[in-house]
Amino acid sequence: MTTSNDDLPPPMQEPVGVPPPAVAPHQEAVLAQLARDFLRERRVERRWRTVFRLFWLVLAALLVYSVWLQGRHVTPSAAPHTALVEVRGEIAVDTEASAELLVAALKDAFKDEGSQAVVLRINSPGGSPVQAGIVYDEIKRLKKQYDKPVYAVVEEMCASGAYYIAAAADEIFVDKASLVGSIGVLMDGFGFTGLMDKLGVERRLLTAGENKGMLDPFSPEDPKQRAHAQAMLDQIHQQFVAVVREGRGKRLKETPETFSGLFWNGEQAVKLGLADHQGNLDYVAREVVKAEEVIDYTPRDNVAERLAKRFGAGVGAGAVKALRELPPLR
């Protein structure tokens, strides 16, 4: 059977002038929502890019500043001057008043041929007896090696371990309202056994060595362990007392309360022989050392190191806060 072209149906042609099929209303809503979600995601991405760009810019600026700050070390001065070393805040490892930093500053201050005397400007509540003892011993050694006087100038507070360090000075100057003293040792903690009993909490502590859990706050206090800790504190206290007696000598007017842990204002401290005179840094440099120019040998905390220590969760929290504070991008 044969066919001709006349027998074939005409080809399909697109209707002219006919509009495309209409989109259902619910489809329009879905497309609109998708578009809004897409734009929102783009805005969030741009915000985060802005935050991180700002963060790296600030970090770079801090690093540059840190390098510049490190280059500003104190250089030896031939001119006569008073060498200053600050003792501020808690005396402990990894603080600005750590033995490591203070000893380094003291060595530079004593070594400088232009320094006529070393002044310790103190504003500290104390801290570690170990760190204070290291600084005290180093001051005594450097005084003997370089034959230079050392003066302590107290601002707000010179208590406990800070006074331990001040005892190495030849003379101690205070303000009449300074707080001075607190010659004692403490070890604090808490006991939660009564609360645990009320809550029905059982303490399960395994140790190898009968005293390994000594002073555990969740276990009943052991009289034998308490006595051992008290004997240790008493021994450290006697070390402190010996240092003060050696440093103050006959100037110290001992009373039953001198080594009890009490503290006094500067005016009373002078009367008790815990301090010598009233005066500030400028007075000591001008009237005592006779070298009015003061050069600070105190090592300053490195900005980059401080930032690195706080980099962890603090950076994340800061980024979130910055993100929230950014104006909306339109």
C-alpha atoms as a PDB file:
ATOM      1  CA  MET A   1       0.000   0.000   0.000  1.00  0.00           C
ATOM      2  CA  THR A   2       1.373   3.390  -0.962  1.00  0.00           C
ATOM      3  CA  THR A   3       0.553   6.806   0.421  1.00  0.00           C
ATOM      4  CA  SER A   4       1.026  10.302  -0.875  1.00  0.00           C
ATOM      5  CA  ASN A   5       1.829  13.503   0.878  1.00  0.00           C
ATOM      6  CA  ASP A   6      -1.765  14.511   0.546  1.00  0.00           C
ATOM      7  CA  ASP A   7      -2.736  11.676   2.843  1.00  0.00           C
ATOM      8  CA  LEU A   8      -0.350  12.784   5.722  1.00  0.00           C
ATOM      9  CA  PRO A   9      -1.710  15.009   8.538  1.00  0.00           C
ATOM     10  CA  PRO A  10      -0.372  18.578   8.564  1.00  0.00           C
ATOM     11  CA  PRO A  11       2.665  19.253  10.832  1.00  0.00           C
ATOM     12  CA  MET A  12       2.109  20.542  14.406  1.00  0.00           C
ATOM     13  CA  GLN A  13       2.439  24.299  14.598  1.00  0.00           C
ATOM     14  CA  GLU A  14       2.670  26.584  17.648  1.00  0.00           C
ATOM     15  CA  PRO A  15      -0.434  28.666  17.965  1.00  0.00           C
ATOM     16  CA  VAL A  16       0.269  32.274  17.207  1.00  0.00           C
ATOM     17  CA  GLY A  17      -0.680  34.865  19.863  1.00  0.00           C
ATOM     18  CA  VAL A  18      -1.665  32.277  22.479  1.00  0.00           C
ATOM     19  CA  PRO A  19      -0.232  33.060  26.007  1.00  0.00           C
ATOM     20  CA  PRO A  20       1.685  30.340  27.941  1.00  0.00           C
ATOM     21  CA  PRO A  21      -0.236  28.299  30.454  1.00  0.00           C
ATOM     22  CA  ALA A  22      -0.960  30.223  33.630  1.00  0.00           C
ATOM     23  CA  VAL A  23       0.953  29.339  36.820  1.00  0.00           C
ATOM     24  CA  ALA A  24      -1.186  28.256  39.703  1.00  0.00           C
ATOM     25  CA  PRO A  25      -1.306  30.638  42.706  1.00  0.00           C
ATOM     26  CA  HIS A  26       0.297  28.118  45.073  1.00  0.00           C
ATOM     27  CA  GLN A  27       3.190  27.717  42.638  1.00  0.00           C
ATOM     28  CA  GLU A  28       3.732  31.473  42.606  1.00  0.00           C
ATOM     29  CA  ALA A  29       3.902  31.463  46.409  1.00  0.00           C
ATOM     30  CA  VAL A  30       6.484  28.660  46.395  1.00  0.00           C
ATOM     31  CA  LEU A  31       8.632  30.463  43.824  1.00  0.00           C
ATOM     32  CA  ALA A  32       8.419  33.706  45.791  1.00  0.00           C
ATOM     33  CA  GLN A  33       9.443  31.932  49.009  1.00  0.00           C
ATOM     34  CA  LEU A  34      12.374  30.280  47.254  1.00  0.00           C
ATOM     35  CA  ALA A  35      13.493  33.659  45.948  1.00  0.00           C
ATOM     36  CA  ARG A  36      13.256  35.192  49.411  1.00  0.00           C
ATOM     37  CA  ASP A  37      15.213  32.302  50.968  1.00  0.00           C
ATOM     38  CA  PHE A  38      17.890  32.634  48.309  1.00  0.00           C
ATOM     39  CA  LEU A  39      18.255  36.363  48.924  1.00  0.00           C
ATOM     40  CA  ARG A  40      18.350  35.829  52.689  1.00  0.00           C
ATOM     41  CA  GLU A  41      21.137  33.259  52.369  1.00  0.00           C
ATOM     42  CA  ARG A  42      23.103  35.643  50.161  1.00  0.00           C
ATOM     43  CA  ARG A  43      22.724  38.414  52.760  1.00  0.00           C
ATOM     44  CA  VAL A  44      23.926  36.115  55.549  1.00  0.00           C
ATOM     45  CA  GLU A  45      26.925  35.054  53.471  1.00  0.00           C
ATOM     46  CA  ARG A  46      27.814  38.666  52.789  1.00  0.00           C
ATOM     47  CA  ARG A  47      27.480  39.520  56.483  1.00  0.00           C
ATOM     48  CA  TRP A  48      29.831  36.718  57.488  1.00  0.00           C
ATOM     49  CA  ARG A  49      32.314  37.763  54.809  1.00  0.00           C
ATOM     50  CA  THR A  50      32.218  41.297  56.202  1.00  0.00           C
ATOM     51  CA  VAL A  51      32.695  40.065  59.759  1.00  0.00           C
ATOM     52  CA  PHE A  52      35.658  37.892  58.903  1.00  0.00           C
ATOM     53  CA  ARG A  53      37.256  40.605  56.781  1.00  0.00           C
ATOM     54  CA  LEU A  54      36.952  43.028  59.679  1.00  0.00           C
ATOM     55  CA  PHE A  55      38.325  40.412  62.067  1.00  0.00           C
ATOM     56  CA  TRP A  56      41.405  39.685  59.977  1.00  0.00           C
ATOM     57  CA  LEU A  57      41.941  43.415  59.471  1.00  0.00           C
ATOM     58  CA  VAL A  58      41.871  43.990  63.243  1.00  0.00           C
ATOM     59  CA  LEU A  59      44.123  40.975  63.814  1.00  0.00           C
ATOM     60  CA  ALA A  60      46.652  42.269  61.299  1.00  0.00           C
ATOM     61  CA  ALA A  61      46.593  45.699  62.930  1.00  0.00           C
ATOM     62  CA  LEU A  62      47.181  44.142  66.358  1.00  0.00           C
ATOM     63  CA  LEU A  63      50.079  42.085  65.066  1.00  0.00           C
ATOM     64  CA  VAL A  64      51.679  45.156  63.509  1.00  0.00           C
ATOM     65  CA  TYR A  65      51.180  47.068  66.747  1.00  0.00           C
ATOM     66  CA  SER A  66      52.650  44.177  68.729  1.00  0.00           C
ATOM     67  CA  VAL A  67      55.767  44.102  66.565  1.00  0.00           C
ATOM     68  CA  TRP A  68      56.102  47.862  66.940  1.00  0.00           C
ATOM     69  CA  LEU A  69      55.633  47.586  70.714  1.00  0.00           C
ATOM     70  CA  GLN A  70      58.244  44.856  70.988  1.00  0.00           C
ATOM     71  CA  GLY A  71      60.711  47.102  69.220  1.00  0.00           C
ATOM     72  CA  ARG A  72      60.267  49.754  71.906  1.00  0.00           C
ATOM     73  CA  HIS A  73      62.332  47.970  74.546  1.00  0.00           C
ATOM     74  CA  VAL A  74      64.114  50.128  77.050  1.00  0.00           C
ATOM     75  CA  THR A  75      67.614  50.874  75.861  1.00  0.00           C
ATOM     76  CA  PRO A  76      70.419  51.566  78.328  1.00  0.00           C
ATOM     77  CA  SER A  77      70.708  55.237  79.157  1.00  0.00           C
ATOM     78  CA  ALA A  78      73.983  56.839  80.127  1.00  0.00           C
ATOM     79  CA  ALA A  79      72.144  59.699  81.843  1.00  0.00           C
ATOM     80  CA  PRO A  80      71.473  59.233  85.570  1.00  0.00           C
ATOM     81  CA  HIS A  81      67.910  58.116  86.153  1.00  0.00           C
ATOM     82  CA  THR A  82      65.614  56.197  88.477  1.00  0.00           C
ATOM     83  CA  ALA A  83      64.783  52.694  87.243  1.00  0.00           C
ATOM     84  CA  LEU A  84      61.140  51.738  87.711  1.00  0.00           C
ATOM     85  CA  VAL A  85      59.689  48.227  87.883  1.00  0.00           C
ATOM     86  CA  GLU A  86      55.931  47.895  88.365  1.00  0.00           C
ATOM     87  CA  VAL A  87      54.410  45.138  90.517  1.00  0.00           C
ATOM     88  CA  ARG A  88      50.729  45.211  89.641  1.00  0.00           C
ATOM     89  CA  GLY A  89      47.909  42.746  90.170  1.00  0.00           C
ATOM     90  CA  GLU A  90      48.105  39.152  91.274  1.00  0.00           C
ATOM     91  CA  ILE A  91      51.566  37.690  91.724  1.00  0.00           C
ATOM     92  CA  ALA A  92      51.268  34.391  89.886  1.00  0.00           C
ATOM     93  CA  VAL A  93      52.448  32.478  86.860  1.00  0.00           C
ATOM     94  CA  ASP A  94      51.269  33.902  83.520  1.00  0.00           C
ATOM     95  CA  THR A  95      50.382  37.320  84.953  1.00  0.00           C
ATOM     96  CA  GLU A  96      52.050  40.694  84.536  1.00  0.00           C
ATOM     97  CA  ALA A  97      53.449  40.245  88.043  1.00  0.00           C
ATOM     98  CA  SER A  98      54.923  36.799  87.477  1.00  0.00           C
ATOM     99  CA  ALA A  99      58.417  36.056  88.729  1.00  0.00           C
ATOM    100  CA  GLU A 100      59.583  35.469  85.160  1.00  0.00           C
ATOM    101  CA  LEU A 101      58.641  38.965  83.985  1.00  0.00           C
ATOM    102  CA  LEU A 102      59.640  40.782  87.159  1.00  0.00           C
ATOM    103  CA  VAL A 103      63.052  39.112  87.363  1.00  0.00           C
ATOM    104  CA  ALA A 104      63.779  39.986  83.723  1.00  0.00           C
ATOM    105  CA  ALA A 105      62.844  43.611  84.375  1.00  0.00           C
ATOM    106  CA  LEU A 106      64.918  43.769  87.547  1.00  0.00           C
ATOM    107  CA  LYS A 107      67.986  42.420  85.767  1.00  0.00           C
ATOM    108  CA  ASP A 108      67.705  45.101  83.081  1.00  0.00           C
ATOM    109  CA  ALA A 109      67.132  47.829  85.657  1.00  0.00           C
ATOM    110  CA  PHE A 110      70.138  46.878  87.777  1.00  0.00           C
ATOM    111  CA  LYS A 111      72.393  46.266  84.804  1.00  0.00           C
ATOM    112  CA  ASP A 112      71.825  49.705  83.287  1.00  0.00           C
ATOM    113  CA  GLU A 113      74.802  51.832  84.258  1.00  0.00           C
ATOM    114  CA  GLY A 114      72.689  54.983  84.232  1.00  0.00           C
ATOM    115  CA  SER A 115      70.228  53.736  86.845  1.00  0.00           C
ATOM    116  CA  GLN A 116      71.021  55.220  90.244  1.00  0.00           C
ATOM    117  CA  ALA A 117      68.465  53.118  92.113  1.00  0.00           C
ATOM    118  CA  VAL A 118      65.623  50.696  91.442  1.00  0.00           C
ATOM    119  CA  VAL A 119      62.097  51.554  92.548  1.00  0.00           C
ATOM    120  CA  LEU A 120      59.400  48.916  92.874  1.00  0.00           C
ATOM    121  CA  ARG A 121      56.034  50.615  92.478  1.00  0.00           C
ATOM    122  CA  ILE A 122      53.592  48.175  94.057  1.00  0.00           C
ATOM    123  CA  ASN A 123      49.843  47.872  93.759  1.00  0.00           C
ATOM    124  CA  SER A 124      49.053  44.230  94.444  1.00  0.00           C
ATOM    125  CA  PRO A 125      46.968  42.084  96.826  1.00  0.00           C
ATOM    126  CA  GLY A 126      49.654  39.388  96.759  1.00  0.00           C
ATOM    127  CA  GLY A 127      49.533  35.903  95.342  1.00  0.00           C
ATOM    128  CA  SER A 128      51.825  32.912  95.122  1.00  0.00           C
ATOM    129  CA  PRO A 129      54.437  32.644  97.898  1.00  0.00           C
ATOM    130  CA  VAL A 130      56.653  30.761  95.457  1.00  0.00           C
ATOM    131  CA  GLN A 131      56.590  33.546  92.861  1.00  0.00           C
ATOM    132  CA  ALA A 132      57.073  36.202  95.534  1.00  0.00           C
ATOM    133  CA  GLY A 133      59.972  34.259  97.031  1.00  0.00           C
ATOM    134  CA  ILE A 134      61.723  34.011  93.673  1.00  0.00           C
ATOM    135  CA  VAL A 135      61.480  37.775  93.173  1.00  0.00           C
ATOM    136  CA  TYR A 136      62.622  38.469  96.740  1.00  0.00           C
ATOM    137  CA  ASP A 137      65.697  36.266  96.378  1.00  0.00           C
ATOM    138  CA  GLU A 138      66.591  37.850  93.033  1.00  0.00           C
ATOM    139  CA  ILE A 139      66.356  41.369  94.458  1.00  0.00           C
ATOM    140  CA  LYS A 140      68.710  40.422  97.276  1.00  0.00           C
ATOM    141  CA  ARG A 141      71.162  38.894  94.799  1.00  0.00           C
ATOM    142  CA  LEU A 142      71.091  41.858  92.413  1.00  0.00           C
ATOM    143  CA  LYS A 143      71.517  44.374  95.231  1.00  0.00           C
ATOM    144  CA  LYS A 144      74.657  42.612  96.314  1.00  0.00           C
ATOM    145  CA  GLN A 145      75.990  42.238  92.760  1.00  0.00           C
ATOM    146  CA  TYR A 146      75.417  45.837  91.595  1.00  0.00           C
ATOM    147  CA  ASP A 147      75.476  47.659  94.945  1.00  0.00           C
ATOM    148  CA  LYS A 148      72.401  49.758  94.103  1.00  0.00           C
ATOM    149  CA  PRO A 149      69.641  50.739  96.514  1.00  0.00           C
ATOM    150  CA  VAL A 150      66.101  49.453  96.090  1.00  0.00           C
ATOM    151  CA  TYR A 151      63.018  51.343  97.201  1.00  0.00           C
ATOM    152  CA  ALA A 152      59.419  50.147  97.325  1.00  0.00           C
ATOM    153  CA  VAL A 153      56.670  52.683  96.664  1.00  0.00           C
ATOM    154  CA  VAL A 154      53.187  51.505  97.602  1.00  0.00           C
ATOM    155  CA  GLU A 155      50.143  52.886  95.831  1.00  0.00           C
ATOM    156  CA  GLU A 156      46.773  51.368  96.751  1.00  0.00           C
ATOM    157  CA  MET A 157      47.843  48.049  98.235  1.00  0.00           C
ATOM    158  CA  CYS A 158      50.880  46.057  99.250  1.00  0.00           C
ATOM    159  CA  ALA A 159      49.547  42.929 100.901  1.00  0.00           C
ATOM    160  CA  SER A 160      50.631  39.350 101.484  1.00  0.00           C
ATOM    161  CA  GLY A 161      53.005  38.229  98.706  1.00  0.00           C
ATOM    162  CA  ALA A 162      53.433  41.829  97.552  1.00  0.00           C
ATOM    163  CA  TYR A 163      54.726  42.764 100.996  1.00  0.00           C
ATOM    164  CA  TYR A 164      56.979  39.687 100.830  1.00  0.00           C
ATOM    165  CA  ILE A 165      58.649  41.331  97.804  1.00  0.00           C
ATOM    166  CA  ALA A 166      58.665  44.797  99.380  1.00  0.00           C
ATOM    167  CA  ALA A 167      60.579  43.435 102.381  1.00  0.00           C
ATOM    168  CA  ALA A 168      63.631  43.128 100.119  1.00  0.00           C
ATOM    169  CA  ALA A 169      63.716  46.907  99.612  1.00  0.00           C
ATOM    170  CA  ASP A 170      66.016  49.183 101.569  1.00  0.00           C
ATOM    171  CA  GLU A 171      63.105  51.478 102.371  1.00  0.00           C
ATOM    172  CA  ILE A 172      59.340  51.318 101.863  1.00  0.00           C
ATOM    173  CA  PHE A 173      57.313  54.433 101.011  1.00  0.00           C
ATOM    174  CA  VAL A 174      53.532  54.518 101.318  1.00  0.00           C
ATOM    175  CA  ASP A 175      50.575  56.821 101.009  1.00  0.00           C
ATOM    176  CA  LYS A 176      48.821  57.491 104.294  1.00  0.00           C
ATOM    177  CA  ALA A 177      45.784  55.565 103.007  1.00  0.00           C
ATOM    178  CA  SER A 178      47.641  52.635 101.394  1.00  0.00           C
ATOM    179  CA  LEU A 179      46.806  49.139 102.644  1.00  0.00           C
ATOM    180  CA  VAL A 180      49.897  47.359 103.955  1.00  0.00           C
ATOM    181  CA  GLY A 181      50.508  44.012 105.630  1.00  0.00           C
ATOM    182  CA  SER A 182      48.432  40.831 105.589  1.00  0.00           C
ATOM    183  CA  ILE A 183      51.467  38.783 106.589  1.00  0.00           C
ATOM    184  CA  GLY A 184      49.932  35.337 106.532  1.00  0.00           C
ATOM    185  CA  VAL A 185      49.161  32.300 104.396  1.00  0.00           C
ATOM    186  CA  LEU A 186      45.820  30.800 103.479  1.00  0.00           C
ATOM    187  CA  MET A 187      44.384  27.787 101.732  1.00  0.00           C
ATOM    188  CA  ASP A 188      40.673  28.002 101.048  1.00  0.00           C
ATOM    189  CA  GLY A 189      38.025  25.633  99.775  1.00  0.00           C
ATOM    190  CA  PHE A 190      34.480  24.381 100.293  1.00  0.00           C
ATOM    191  CA  GLY A 191      32.770  21.354 101.777  1.00  0.00           C
ATOM    192  CA  PHE A 192      29.661  20.002 100.050  1.00  0.00           C
ATOM    193  CA  THR A 193      29.039  16.783 101.994  1.00  0.00           C
ATOM    194  CA  GLY A 194      25.978  18.119 103.855  1.00  0.00           C
ATOM    195  CA  LEU A 195      24.384  19.386 100.666  1.00  0.00           C
ATOM    196  CA  MET A 196      25.117  16.088  98.909  1.00  0.00           C
ATOM    197  CA  ASP A 197      23.375  14.185 101.692  1.00  0.00           C
ATOM    198  CA  LYS A 198      20.275  16.353 101.326  1.00  0.00           C
ATOM    199  CA  LEU A 199      20.245  15.853  97.565  1.00  0.00           C
ATOM    200  CA  GLY A 200      20.942  12.138  97.792  1.00  0.00           C
ATOM    201  CA  VAL A 201      24.207  12.422  95.858  1.00  0.00           C
ATOM    202  CA  GLU A 202      26.825   9.754  96.517  1.00  0.00           C
ATOM    203  CA  ARG A 203      30.526  10.579  96.115  1.00  0.00           C
ATOM    204  CA  ARG A 204      32.536   7.805  94.434  1.00  0.00           C
ATOM    205  CA  LEU A 205      36.244   8.572  94.652  1.00  0.00           C
ATOM    206  CA  LEU A 206      38.948   6.035  93.797  1.00  0.00           C
ATOM    207  CA  THR A 207      42.548   6.766  94.764  1.00  0.00           C
ATOM    208  CA  ALA A 208      45.870   4.957  94.794  1.00  0.00           C
ATOM    209  CA  GLY A 209      47.411   6.291  97.976  1.00  0.00           C
ATOM    210  CA  GLU A 210      45.326   6.985 101.050  1.00  0.00           C
ATOM    211  CA  ASN A 211      45.959  10.753 100.954  1.00  0.00           C
ATOM    212  CA  LYS A 212      45.648  11.291  97.206  1.00  0.00           C
ATOM    213  CA  GLY A 213      42.149  12.720  97.682  1.00  0.00           C
ATOM    214  CA  MET A 214      43.327  15.084 100.382  1.00  0.00           C
ATOM    215  CA  LEU A 215      41.036  18.086 100.952  1.00  0.00           C
ATOM    216  CA  ASP A 216      38.540  16.838  98.376  1.00  0.00           C
ATOM    217  CA  PRO A 217      35.528  19.156  98.841  1.00  0.00           C
ATOM    218  CA  PHE A 218      33.060  16.335  98.146  1.00  0.00           C
ATOM    219  CA  SER A 219      34.422  14.016 100.829  1.00  0.00           C
ATOM    220  CA  PRO A 220      34.249  14.341 104.628  1.00  0.00           C
ATOM    221  CA  GLU A 221      37.180  16.223 106.129  1.00  0.00           C
ATOM    222  CA  ASP A 222      39.911  13.970 107.509  1.00  0.00           C
ATOM    223  CA  PRO A 223      41.442  15.358 110.748  1.00  0.00           C
ATOM    224  CA  LYS A 224      44.832  13.839 109.916  1.00  0.00           C
ATOM    225  CA  GLN A 225      44.904  15.459 106.481  1.00  0.00           C
ATOM    226  CA  ARG A 226      43.747  18.782 107.906  1.00  0.00           C
ATOM    227  CA  ALA A 227      46.547  18.712 110.454  1.00  0.00           C
ATOM    228  CA  HIS A 228      49.071  18.000 107.696  1.00  0.00           C
ATOM    229  CA  ALA A 229      47.820  20.948 105.616  1.00  0.00           C
ATOM    230  CA  GLN A 230      47.861  23.240 108.646  1.00  0.00           C
ATOM    231  CA  ALA A 231      51.450  22.257 109.470  1.00  0.00           C
ATOM    232  CA  MET A 232      52.460  23.037 105.897  1.00  0.00           C
ATOM    233  CA  LEU A 233      50.780  26.464 106.042  1.00  0.00           C
ATOM    234  CA  ASP A 234      52.445  27.208 109.372  1.00  0.00           C
ATOM    235  CA  GLN A 235      55.841  26.398 107.902  1.00  0.00           C
ATOM    236  CA  ILE A 236      55.281  28.692 104.899  1.00  0.00           C
ATOM    237  CA  HIS A 237      54.074  31.371 107.300  1.00  0.00           C
ATOM    238  CA  GLN A 238      57.275  31.120 109.323  1.00  0.00           C
ATOM    239  CA  GLN A 239      59.268  31.508 106.109  1.00  0.00           C
ATOM    240  CA  PHE A 240      57.314  34.702 105.428  1.00  0.00           C
ATOM    241  CA  VAL A 241      57.892  35.955 108.973  1.00  0.00           C
ATOM    242  CA  ALA A 242      61.635  35.294 108.690  1.00  0.00           C
ATOM    243  CA  VAL A 243      61.807  37.283 105.442  1.00  0.00           C
ATOM    244  CA  VAL A 244      60.017  40.276 107.007  1.00  0.00           C
ATOM    245  CA  ARG A 245      62.191  40.211 110.096  1.00  0.00           C
ATOM    246  CA  GLU A 246      65.316  40.039 107.978  1.00  0.00           C
ATOM    247  CA  GLY A 247      64.212  42.827 105.657  1.00  0.00           C
ATOM    248  CA  ARG A 248      62.850  45.233 108.278  1.00  0.00           C
ATOM    249  CA  GLY A 249      65.330  44.481 111.045  1.00  0.00           C
ATOM    250  CA  LYS A 250      65.160  46.688 114.121  1.00  0.00           C
ATOM    251  CA  ARG A 251      62.721  49.047 112.404  1.00  0.00           C
ATOM    252  CA  LEU A 252      59.938  46.492 112.878  1.00  0.00           C
ATOM    253  CA  LYS A 253      57.923  47.045 116.045  1.00  0.00           C
ATOM    254  CA  GLU A 254      56.445  43.605 116.549  1.00  0.00           C
ATOM    255  CA  THR A 255      53.145  43.096 118.299  1.00  0.00           C
ATOM    256  CA  PRO A 256      51.038  39.935 118.684  1.00  0.00           C
ATOM    257  CA  GLU A 257      49.085  41.053 115.599  1.00  0.00           C
ATOM    258  CA  THR A 258      52.028  41.862 113.324  1.00  0.00           C
ATOM    259  CA  PHE A 259      52.083  38.415 111.716  1.00  0.00           C
ATOM    260  CA  SER A 260      48.420  37.566 112.249  1.00  0.00           C
ATOM    261  CA  GLY A 261      47.296  38.423 108.721  1.00  0.00           C
ATOM    262  CA  LEU A 262      45.919  41.850 109.611  1.00  0.00           C
ATOM    263  CA  PHE A 263      46.641  44.833 107.400  1.00  0.00           C
ATOM    264  CA  TRP A 264      46.887  48.537 108.195  1.00  0.00           C
ATOM    265  CA  ASN A 265      46.761  51.855 106.412  1.00  0.00           C
ATOM    266  CA  GLY A 266      49.983  53.532 105.403  1.00  0.00           C
ATOM    267  CA  GLU A 267      50.103  55.903 108.363  1.00  0.00           C
ATOM    268  CA  GLN A 268      49.780  53.034 110.831  1.00  0.00           C
ATOM    269  CA  ALA A 269      52.258  50.930 108.834  1.00  0.00           C
ATOM    270  CA  VAL A 270      54.938  53.582 109.319  1.00  0.00           C
ATOM    271  CA  LYS A 271      54.298  53.636 113.081  1.00  0.00           C
ATOM    272  CA  LEU A 272      54.517  49.825 113.236  1.00  0.00           C
ATOM    273  CA  GLY A 273      57.754  49.741 111.270  1.00  0.00           C
ATOM    274  CA  LEU A 274      56.192  47.941 108.315  1.00  0.00           C
ATOM    275  CA  ALA A 275      57.030  51.012 106.210  1.00  0.00           C
ATOM    276  CA  ASP A 276      59.502  53.862 106.549  1.00  0.00           C
ATOM    277  CA  HIS A 277      58.055  57.060 105.120  1.00  0.00           C
ATOM    278  CA  GLN A 278      55.175  58.566 103.220  1.00  0.00           C
ATOM    279  CA  GLY A 279      55.924  59.420  99.615  1.00  0.00           C
ATOM    280  CA  ASN A 280      55.169  58.613  95.983  1.00  0.00           C
ATOM    281  CA  LEU A 281      57.341  57.740  92.997  1.00  0.00           C
ATOM    282  CA  ASP A 282      58.102  61.339  92.009  1.00  0.00           C
ATOM    283  CA  TYR A 283      59.114  62.199  95.553  1.00  0.00           C
ATOM    284  CA  VAL A 284      61.447  59.210  95.836  1.00  0.00           C
ATOM    285  CA  ALA A 285      63.064  59.877  92.446  1.00  0.00           C
ATOM    286  CA  ARG A 286      63.527  63.591  93.154  1.00  0.00           C
ATOM    287  CA  GLU A 287      64.346  63.703  96.862  1.00  0.00           C
ATOM    288  CA  VAL A 288      65.765  60.284  97.697  1.00  0.00           C
ATOM    289  CA  VAL A 289      67.451  58.957  94.556  1.00  0.00           C
ATOM    290  CA  LYS A 290      68.295  62.469  93.323  1.00  0.00           C
ATOM    291  CA  ALA A 291      67.579  61.359  89.739  1.00  0.00           C
ATOM    292  CA  GLU A 292      64.289  62.914  88.714  1.00  0.00           C
ATOM    293  CA  GLU A 293      64.110  61.202  85.321  1.00  0.00           C
ATOM    294  CA  VAL A 294      62.244  57.898  85.634  1.00  0.00           C
ATOM    295  CA  ILE A 295      62.687  55.099  83.090  1.00  0.00           C
ATOM    296  CA  ASP A 296      60.175  52.236  83.193  1.00  0.00           C
ATOM    297  CA  TYR A 297      61.727  48.785  82.767  1.00  0.00           C
ATOM    298  CA  THR A 298      58.476  46.907  83.321  1.00  0.00           C
ATOM    299  CA  PRO A 299      57.784  44.355  80.564  1.00  0.00           C
ATOM    300  CA  ARG A 300      54.404  44.937  79.001  1.00  0.00           C
ATOM    301  CA  ASP A 301      52.016  42.192  78.005  1.00  0.00           C
ATOM    302  CA  ASN A 302      52.403  41.269  74.321  1.00  0.00           C
ATOM    303  CA  VAL A 303      49.246  42.125  72.389  1.00  0.00           C
ATOM    304  CA  ALA A 304      49.539  39.172  70.004  1.00  0.00           C
ATOM    305  CA  GLU A 305      50.069  36.707  72.843  1.00  0.00           C
ATOM    306  CA  ARG A 306      47.134  38.111  74.765  1.00  0.00           C
ATOM    307  CA  LEU A 307      44.962  37.846  71.684  1.00  0.00           C
ATOM    308  CA  ALA A 308      46.038  34.267  71.084  1.00  0.00           C
ATOM    309  CA  LYS A 309      45.142  33.320  74.666  1.00  0.00           C
ATOM    310  CA  ARG A 310      41.659  34.682  74.224  1.00  0.00           C
ATOM    311  CA  PHE A 311      41.202  33.543  70.644  1.00  0.00           C
ATOM    312  CA  GLY A 312      38.967  30.505  71.317  1.00  0.00           C
ATOM    313  CA  ALA A 313      35.389  31.016  72.328  1.00  0.00           C
ATOM    314  CA  GLY A 314      35.822  34.754  72.705  1.00  0.00           C
ATOM    315  CA  VAL A 315      36.345  35.208  68.978  1.00  0.00           C
ATOM    316  CA  GLY A 316      33.240  33.215  68.169  1.00  0.00           C
ATOM    317  CA  ALA A 317      31.166  35.221  70.622  1.00  0.00           C
ATOM    318  CA  GLY A 318      32.557  38.455  69.249  1.00  0.00           C
ATOM    319  CA  ALA A 319      31.767  37.429  65.685  1.00  0.00           C
ATOM    320  CA  VAL A 320      28.178  36.607  66.573  1.00  0.00           C
ATOM    321  CA  LYS A 321      27.797  39.911  68.388  1.00  0.00           C
ATOM    322  CA  ALA A 322      29.274  41.820  65.468  1.00  0.00           C
ATOM    323  CA  LEU A 323      26.981  40.001  63.066  1.00  0.00           C
ATOM    324  CA  ARG A 324      23.938  40.968  65.086  1.00  0.00           C
ATOM    325  CA  GLU A 325      25.019  44.587  65.233  1.00  0.00           C
ATOM    326  CA  LEU A 326      25.575  44.932  61.486  1.00  0.00           C
ATOM    327  CA  PRO A 327      22.831  46.840  59.677  1.00  0.00           C
ATOM    328  CA  PRO A 328      20.719  44.704  57.352  1.00  0.00           C
ATOM    329  CA  LEU A 329      21.989  44.485  53.807  1.00  0.00           C
ATOM    330  CA  ARG A 330      19.438  45.395  51.204  1.00  0.00           C
END
